[in-house]
Amino acid sequence: KSISASHILIMYKDSQSSRSELSKEDAFEKIKKLHKEVTNDPNRFADLAVNNSDCSSASSGGALGSFGKGMMVKEFEDSAFSLKKNQISDPIETAFGFHIIKRDD
């Protein structure tokens, strides 16, 4: 089974493939602030992704398209597959940094 999801990624300087100079603590503070904003107004998810996400998916509002099991890192996959449609995850951490995930279908 495939699902589709979008995300906002905040990297920090020690995360995998990082292009960020943020400390891990600062990255976590930033993701918590973005999570609060997106929880208050879920319609802003794509806009917040475009303006904040460190993933190349930012230009498409964070959209990752569809993916099946085994295509994403485990923490990301577990969180994405546990969400209901249009549900937004709490911040999670992977090797790439901190993510907020929104299940699109």
C-alpha atoms as a PDB file:
ATOM      1  CA  LYS A   1       0.000   0.000   0.000  1.00  0.00           C
ATOM      2  CA  SER A   2       1.220   3.473  -0.887  1.00  0.00           C
ATOM      3  CA  ILE A   3       0.389   6.752   0.790  1.00  0.00           C
ATOM      4  CA  SER A   4       1.296  10.303  -0.070  1.00  0.00           C
ATOM      5  CA  ALA A   5       2.581  12.849   2.369  1.00  0.00           C
ATOM      6  CA  SER A   6       4.183  16.251   2.672  1.00  0.00           C
ATOM      7  CA  HIS A   7       6.722  17.383   5.203  1.00  0.00           C
ATOM      8  CA  ILE A   8       8.671  20.273   6.607  1.00  0.00           C
ATOM      9  CA  LEU A   9      12.301  19.433   7.365  1.00  0.00           C
ATOM     10  CA  ILE A  10      14.550  21.479   9.597  1.00  0.00           C
ATOM     11  CA  MET A  11      18.159  20.312   9.415  1.00  0.00           C
ATOM     12  CA  TYR A  12      20.922  21.097  11.865  1.00  0.00           C
ATOM     13  CA  LYS A  13      24.634  21.219  11.287  1.00  0.00           C
ATOM     14  CA  ASP A  14      25.303  17.610  12.355  1.00  0.00           C
ATOM     15  CA  SER A  15      22.377  16.002  10.513  1.00  0.00           C
ATOM     16  CA  GLN A  16      22.880  13.824   7.440  1.00  0.00           C
ATOM     17  CA  SER A  17      23.446  15.708   4.138  1.00  0.00           C
ATOM     18  CA  SER A  18      22.959  18.931   6.078  1.00  0.00           C
ATOM     19  CA  ARG A  19      23.074  22.353   4.483  1.00  0.00           C
ATOM     20  CA  SER A  20      22.240  24.030   7.793  1.00  0.00           C
ATOM     21  CA  GLU A  21      24.306  25.894  10.344  1.00  0.00           C
ATOM     22  CA  LEU A  22      21.669  25.626  13.096  1.00  0.00           C
ATOM     23  CA  SER A  23      22.532  23.814  16.301  1.00  0.00           C
ATOM     24  CA  LYS A  24      20.366  20.791  17.081  1.00  0.00           C
ATOM     25  CA  GLU A  25      18.704  22.788  19.881  1.00  0.00           C
ATOM     26  CA  ASP A  26      17.913  25.723  17.590  1.00  0.00           C
ATOM     27  CA  ALA A  27      16.543  23.377  14.919  1.00  0.00           C
ATOM     28  CA  PHE A  28      14.280  21.741  17.509  1.00  0.00           C
ATOM     29  CA  GLU A  29      13.036  25.153  18.691  1.00  0.00           C
ATOM     30  CA  LYS A  30      12.306  26.108  15.079  1.00  0.00           C
ATOM     31  CA  ILE A  31      10.367  22.904  14.344  1.00  0.00           C
ATOM     32  CA  LYS A  32       8.343  23.333  17.561  1.00  0.00           C
ATOM     33  CA  LYS A  33       7.430  26.884  16.541  1.00  0.00           C
ATOM     34  CA  LEU A  34       6.441  25.747  13.033  1.00  0.00           C
ATOM     35  CA  HIS A  35       4.423  22.877  14.503  1.00  0.00           C
ATOM     36  CA  LYS A  36       2.489  25.347  16.639  1.00  0.00           C
ATOM     37  CA  GLU A  37       1.795  27.537  13.597  1.00  0.00           C
ATOM     38  CA  VAL A  38       0.669  24.638  11.418  1.00  0.00           C
ATOM     39  CA  THR A  39      -1.492  23.166  14.195  1.00  0.00           C
ATOM     40  CA  ASN A  40      -3.229  26.528  14.590  1.00  0.00           C
ATOM     41  CA  ASP A  41      -3.795  26.831  10.836  1.00  0.00           C
ATOM     42  CA  PRO A  42      -3.299  23.587   8.858  1.00  0.00           C
ATOM     43  CA  ASN A  43      -4.034  25.428   5.601  1.00  0.00           C
ATOM     44  CA  ARG A  44      -0.661  27.158   5.967  1.00  0.00           C
ATOM     45  CA  PHE A  45       1.286  23.873   5.787  1.00  0.00           C
ATOM     46  CA  ALA A  46       2.433  24.265   2.163  1.00  0.00           C
ATOM     47  CA  ASP A  47       3.291  27.935   2.649  1.00  0.00           C
ATOM     48  CA  LEU A  48       5.323  27.176   5.766  1.00  0.00           C
ATOM     49  CA  ALA A  49       7.104  24.362   3.906  1.00  0.00           C
ATOM     50  CA  VAL A  50       7.997  26.634   0.984  1.00  0.00           C
ATOM     51  CA  ASN A  51       9.438  29.254   3.322  1.00  0.00           C
ATOM     52  CA  ASN A  52      11.133  27.068   5.931  1.00  0.00           C
ATOM     53  CA  SER A  53      11.808  23.490   4.862  1.00  0.00           C
ATOM     54  CA  ASP A  54      15.386  22.378   4.179  1.00  0.00           C
ATOM     55  CA  CYS A  55      14.191  19.635   1.811  1.00  0.00           C
ATOM     56  CA  SER A  56      14.143  20.040  -1.970  1.00  0.00           C
ATOM     57  CA  SER A  57      10.405  19.274  -1.699  1.00  0.00           C
ATOM     58  CA  ALA A  58       9.958  22.768  -0.212  1.00  0.00           C
ATOM     59  CA  SER A  59       9.373  24.238  -3.673  1.00  0.00           C
ATOM     60  CA  SER A  60       6.307  21.998  -4.041  1.00  0.00           C
ATOM     61  CA  GLY A  61       4.907  22.856  -0.608  1.00  0.00           C
ATOM     62  CA  GLY A  62       6.669  19.937   1.019  1.00  0.00           C
ATOM     63  CA  ALA A  63       4.890  17.341  -1.142  1.00  0.00           C
ATOM     64  CA  LEU A  64       6.801  14.067  -1.406  1.00  0.00           C
ATOM     65  CA  GLY A  65       4.270  12.306  -3.621  1.00  0.00           C
ATOM     66  CA  SER A  66       3.359   8.699  -2.962  1.00  0.00           C
ATOM     67  CA  PHE A  67       5.618   6.089  -1.428  1.00  0.00           C
ATOM     68  CA  GLY A  68       5.329   2.587  -0.068  1.00  0.00           C
ATOM     69  CA  LYS A  69       6.870   0.817   2.885  1.00  0.00           C
ATOM     70  CA  GLY A  70      10.645   0.660   2.825  1.00  0.00           C
ATOM     71  CA  MET A  71      11.166   3.813   0.739  1.00  0.00           C
ATOM     72  CA  MET A  72      11.667   6.292   3.587  1.00  0.00           C
ATOM     73  CA  VAL A  73      13.775   6.116   6.730  1.00  0.00           C
ATOM     74  CA  LYS A  74      12.028   4.051   9.385  1.00  0.00           C
ATOM     75  CA  GLU A  75      11.082   6.843  11.816  1.00  0.00           C
ATOM     76  CA  PHE A  76       9.578   8.879   8.994  1.00  0.00           C
ATOM     77  CA  GLU A  77       7.718   5.917   7.520  1.00  0.00           C
ATOM     78  CA  ASP A  78       6.322   4.794  10.881  1.00  0.00           C
ATOM     79  CA  SER A  79       4.988   8.268  11.585  1.00  0.00           C
ATOM     80  CA  ALA A  80       3.581   8.879   8.083  1.00  0.00           C
ATOM     81  CA  PHE A  81       1.783   5.536   7.914  1.00  0.00           C
ATOM     82  CA  SER A  82       0.262   6.042  11.380  1.00  0.00           C
ATOM     83  CA  LEU A  83      -1.430   9.320  10.392  1.00  0.00           C
ATOM     84  CA  LYS A  84      -4.962   9.666   9.058  1.00  0.00           C
ATOM     85  CA  LYS A  85      -5.615  11.705   5.914  1.00  0.00           C
ATOM     86  CA  ASN A  86      -4.916  15.424   6.517  1.00  0.00           C
ATOM     87  CA  GLN A  87      -3.512  14.677   9.989  1.00  0.00           C
ATOM     88  CA  ILE A  88      -0.284  16.410  10.983  1.00  0.00           C
ATOM     89  CA  SER A  89       2.376  14.659  13.037  1.00  0.00           C
ATOM     90  CA  ASP A  90       4.162  15.913  16.098  1.00  0.00           C
ATOM     91  CA  PRO A  91       7.784  16.798  15.325  1.00  0.00           C
ATOM     92  CA  ILE A  92       9.877  13.674  14.771  1.00  0.00           C
ATOM     93  CA  GLU A  93      13.624  13.235  14.451  1.00  0.00           C
ATOM     94  CA  THR A  94      15.478  11.280  11.774  1.00  0.00           C
ATOM     95  CA  ALA A  95      19.114  11.265  10.676  1.00  0.00           C
ATOM     96  CA  PHE A  96      18.220  14.194   8.387  1.00  0.00           C
ATOM     97  CA  GLY A  97      16.861  16.475  11.112  1.00  0.00           C
ATOM     98  CA  PHE A  98      13.408  17.273  12.482  1.00  0.00           C
ATOM     99  CA  HIS A  99      10.247  16.770  10.449  1.00  0.00           C
ATOM    100  CA  ILE A 100       6.563  17.632  10.621  1.00  0.00           C
ATOM    101  CA  ILE A 101       4.629  15.264   8.378  1.00  0.00           C
ATOM    102  CA  LYS A 102       1.188  15.766   6.862  1.00  0.00           C
ATOM    103  CA  ARG A 103      -0.581  12.766   5.373  1.00  0.00           C
ATOM    104  CA  ASP A 104      -2.101  13.756   2.029  1.00  0.00           C
ATOM    105  CA  ASP A 105      -4.024  10.562   1.264  1.00  0.00           C
END
